[in-house]
Protein backbone atom coordinates (compact mmCIF):
# COMPACT_ATOMS: atom_id res chain seq x y z
CA MET A 1 80.33 92.68 97.46
CA THR A 2 79.49 95.11 100.41
CA GLU A 3 82.06 96.16 102.99
CA GLU A 4 80.27 94.19 105.57
CA GLN A 5 80.41 91.08 103.35
CA LEU A 6 84.05 91.72 102.64
CA ILE A 7 84.85 92.10 106.42
CA SER A 8 82.77 88.78 107.29
CA GLU A 9 84.72 86.80 104.63
CA CYS A 10 88.08 88.31 105.83
CA ILE A 11 87.08 87.05 109.32
CA GLU A 12 86.53 83.67 107.93
CA GLY A 13 90.02 83.69 106.42
CA ASN A 14 88.92 83.94 102.76
CA TYR A 15 92.16 84.60 100.92
CA ARG A 16 90.30 86.39 97.98
CA ALA A 17 88.41 88.62 100.41
CA GLN A 18 91.80 89.60 101.99
CA LYS A 19 93.36 90.28 98.83
CA LYS A 20 90.49 92.39 97.79
CA LEU A 21 90.69 94.46 101.17
CA TYR A 22 94.43 94.75 100.61
CA THR A 23 93.94 96.06 97.14
CA LEU A 24 91.31 98.41 98.26
CA PHE A 25 93.33 100.28 100.93
CA SER A 26 97.17 99.37 100.30
CA GLY A 27 97.79 102.40 98.15
CA LYS A 28 96.48 105.06 100.54
CA MET A 29 98.01 103.17 103.58
CA MET A 30 101.34 102.98 101.73
CA GLY A 31 101.19 106.96 101.64
CA ILE A 32 100.68 107.05 105.31
CA SER A 33 103.50 104.57 105.92
CA MET A 34 105.82 106.71 103.61
CA ARG A 35 105.27 109.75 105.93
CA TYR A 36 106.70 107.97 108.87
CA ALA A 37 109.42 105.88 107.22
CA SER A 38 112.81 107.27 105.87
CA CYS A 39 112.83 105.03 102.92
CA VAL A 40 110.49 102.87 100.68
CA PRO A 41 111.57 99.58 102.10
CA GLU A 42 110.87 100.71 105.71
CA ALA A 43 107.42 101.98 104.50
CA GLU A 44 106.72 98.64 102.99
CA ASP A 45 107.65 96.79 106.15
CA ILE A 46 105.37 99.03 108.03
CA LEU A 47 102.46 98.42 105.50
CA GLN A 48 103.04 94.84 105.89
CA GLU A 49 103.02 94.57 109.59
CA SER A 50 99.89 96.74 109.53
CA PHE A 51 98.01 94.50 107.13
CA ILE A 52 98.97 91.42 109.19
CA LYS A 53 97.50 93.28 112.26
CA VAL A 54 94.44 94.23 110.15
CA PHE A 55 93.75 90.52 109.24
CA ASN A 56 94.42 89.19 112.81
CA LYS A 57 92.15 91.79 114.36
CA ILE A 58 89.46 92.33 111.65
CA ASP A 59 87.08 90.55 114.07
CA THR A 60 87.33 93.39 116.50
CA PHE A 61 86.27 96.04 113.94
CA GLN A 62 83.06 97.65 115.43
CA ALA A 63 81.78 99.43 112.27
CA THR A 64 81.39 102.71 114.50
CA GLY A 65 83.32 104.42 111.72
CA PRO A 66 84.61 103.74 108.38
CA LEU A 67 86.77 100.73 107.74
CA GLY A 68 89.43 102.78 106.15
CA GLY A 69 89.79 104.93 109.16
CA TRP A 70 90.20 101.89 111.41
CA ILE A 71 92.91 100.56 109.04
CA ARG A 72 94.67 104.04 109.00
CA ARG A 73 94.81 103.88 112.81
CA ILE A 74 96.54 100.54 112.74
CA VAL A 75 99.07 101.86 110.26
CA VAL A 76 99.84 105.05 112.24
CA ASN A 77 100.15 102.93 115.48
CA THR A 78 102.37 100.41 113.70
CA ALA A 79 104.63 103.17 112.53
CA LEU A 80 104.81 104.67 115.96
CA GLN A 81 105.46 101.33 117.54
CA ARG A 82 108.29 100.79 115.14
CA ILE A 83 109.74 104.31 115.89
CA ARG A 84 109.60 103.52 119.71
CA ASP A 85 111.21 100.15 119.28
CA ASN A 86 114.09 101.53 117.02
CA LYS A 87 117.03 101.78 119.45
CA ASN A 88 119.04 104.13 117.13
CA TYR A 89 116.02 106.41 117.04
CA ARG A 90 116.91 110.01 118.03
CA MET A 91 114.07 112.38 118.67
CA HIS A 92 116.51 115.40 118.78
CA VAL A 93 119.04 116.92 116.35
CA GLU A 94 121.65 119.58 117.22
CA ILE A 95 119.79 122.77 118.21
CA ASP A 96 122.49 125.04 116.58
CA ALA A 97 121.74 123.29 113.12
CA SER A 98 117.97 123.92 113.45
CA GLU A 99 117.84 127.21 115.07
CA SER A 100 119.43 129.02 112.06
CA MET A 101 116.54 127.77 109.90
CA LEU A 102 113.67 129.31 112.05
CA GLU A 103 114.03 132.71 110.14
CA VAL A 104 112.51 131.51 106.75
CA SER A 105 109.12 132.99 105.68
CA ASP A 106 105.91 131.05 105.50
CA GLY A 107 104.98 132.32 102.04
CA VAL A 108 106.87 129.61 100.10
CA LEU A 109 104.94 126.73 101.88
CA ALA A 110 101.61 128.16 101.06
CA GLN A 111 102.64 128.02 97.32
CA MET A 112 103.49 124.25 97.19
CA GLY A 113 101.32 121.19 96.56
CA ALA A 114 100.87 118.49 99.06
CA ALA A 115 102.84 115.89 97.18
CA GLU A 116 105.94 118.34 96.96
CA ILE A 117 105.68 118.89 100.68
CA MET A 118 105.52 115.25 101.38
CA LYS A 119 108.73 114.71 99.54
CA LYS A 120 110.36 117.33 101.64
CA VAL A 121 108.84 115.82 104.72
CA GLN A 122 110.62 112.57 103.93
CA LYS A 123 114.15 114.48 104.30
CA LEU A 124 113.26 115.42 107.88
CA PRO A 125 115.16 113.85 110.69
CA ASN A 126 112.93 110.98 112.25
CA GLY A 127 111.96 112.90 115.30
CA PHE A 128 110.94 115.90 113.35
CA ARG A 129 109.16 114.01 110.77
CA THR A 130 107.16 112.12 113.31
CA VAL A 131 106.02 114.99 115.28
CA PHE A 132 105.15 116.92 112.05
CA ASN A 133 103.15 113.91 110.71
CA LEU A 134 101.29 113.55 113.92
CA TYR A 135 100.49 117.13 114.58
CA ALA A 136 99.98 118.62 110.99
CA ILE A 137 98.62 115.64 109.28
CA GLU A 138 97.05 113.17 111.73
CA GLY A 139 95.63 116.10 113.90
CA TYR A 140 97.06 114.95 117.23
CA THR A 141 97.65 117.55 119.92
CA HIS A 142 100.89 118.15 121.44
CA PRO A 143 99.83 116.54 124.76
CA GLU A 144 98.77 113.45 122.73
CA ILE A 145 102.13 113.38 120.86
CA SER A 146 103.88 113.72 124.11
CA LYS A 147 102.00 110.61 125.57
CA GLU A 148 102.46 108.53 122.32
CA LEU A 149 106.12 109.20 121.87
CA GLY A 150 107.28 109.54 125.65
CA ILE A 151 108.42 113.08 125.30
CA SER A 152 107.50 116.22 127.00
CA VAL A 153 104.80 118.73 125.55
CA GLY A 154 107.60 121.40 125.14
CA THR A 155 109.77 118.93 123.15
CA SER A 156 106.85 118.07 120.90
CA LYS A 157 106.08 121.84 120.19
CA SER A 158 109.86 122.43 119.56
CA GLN A 159 110.22 119.50 117.20
CA TYR A 160 107.28 120.62 115.21
CA SER A 161 108.42 124.26 114.94
CA ARG A 162 111.90 123.06 113.90
CA ALA A 163 110.30 120.72 111.46
CA ARG A 164 108.38 123.57 109.73
CA ALA A 165 111.56 125.61 109.69
CA ILE A 166 113.51 122.89 108.05
CA LEU A 167 110.90 122.29 105.59
CA ARG A 168 110.79 126.04 104.64
CA THR A 169 114.64 126.08 104.18
CA LEU A 170 114.31 122.91 102.03
CA ILE A 171 111.67 124.45 99.86
CA GLU A 172 113.44 127.85 99.59
CA LYS A 173 116.66 126.12 98.51
CA GLU A 174 114.91 124.23 95.73
CA GLU A 175 113.07 127.41 94.68
CA ASN A 176 116.36 129.27 94.45
CA ILE A 177 117.85 126.42 92.31
CA SER A 178 114.81 126.61 90.11
CA GLU A 179 115.17 130.49 89.69
CA LYS A 180 118.76 130.12 88.68
CA ALA A 181 117.98 127.56 86.09
CA ILE A 182 115.44 130.04 84.30
């Protein structure tokens, strides 16, 4: 079955086609959901909401780009909307706590694999994690992040810088523990 046929059958409401589409893309999209969520159940909720939107809006897919890219955009937007809707969401943490982490070197980050870094990203506070994901992984600019999250460009830059610093600290702590175990 071609991608075009799959989309056509999903538009018609064919359950098997929808299941196939979900199977094709759910793994990768769960990874994207995990980058924005603080835990697996939250990521699963984002994924489920996203695929509901995919199936409800698949008739609007223009095929000007890859289907996976279109679905990815829905997942990211769903995650961002969830963050905006969360009344307990805090974009900032205490400056004193994060300022001390800015002095760590970049060398450790360069030595780690993507999966290891993503585990550390999960430990970031929501605001830091969101800005880090949007800037470093999704490729948004700080003005775009500012608009999406309703924060200033300076706040976006600051959150990104602090996220990197916290990641460096987490990585160095783990590296120090590993060295002591040897």
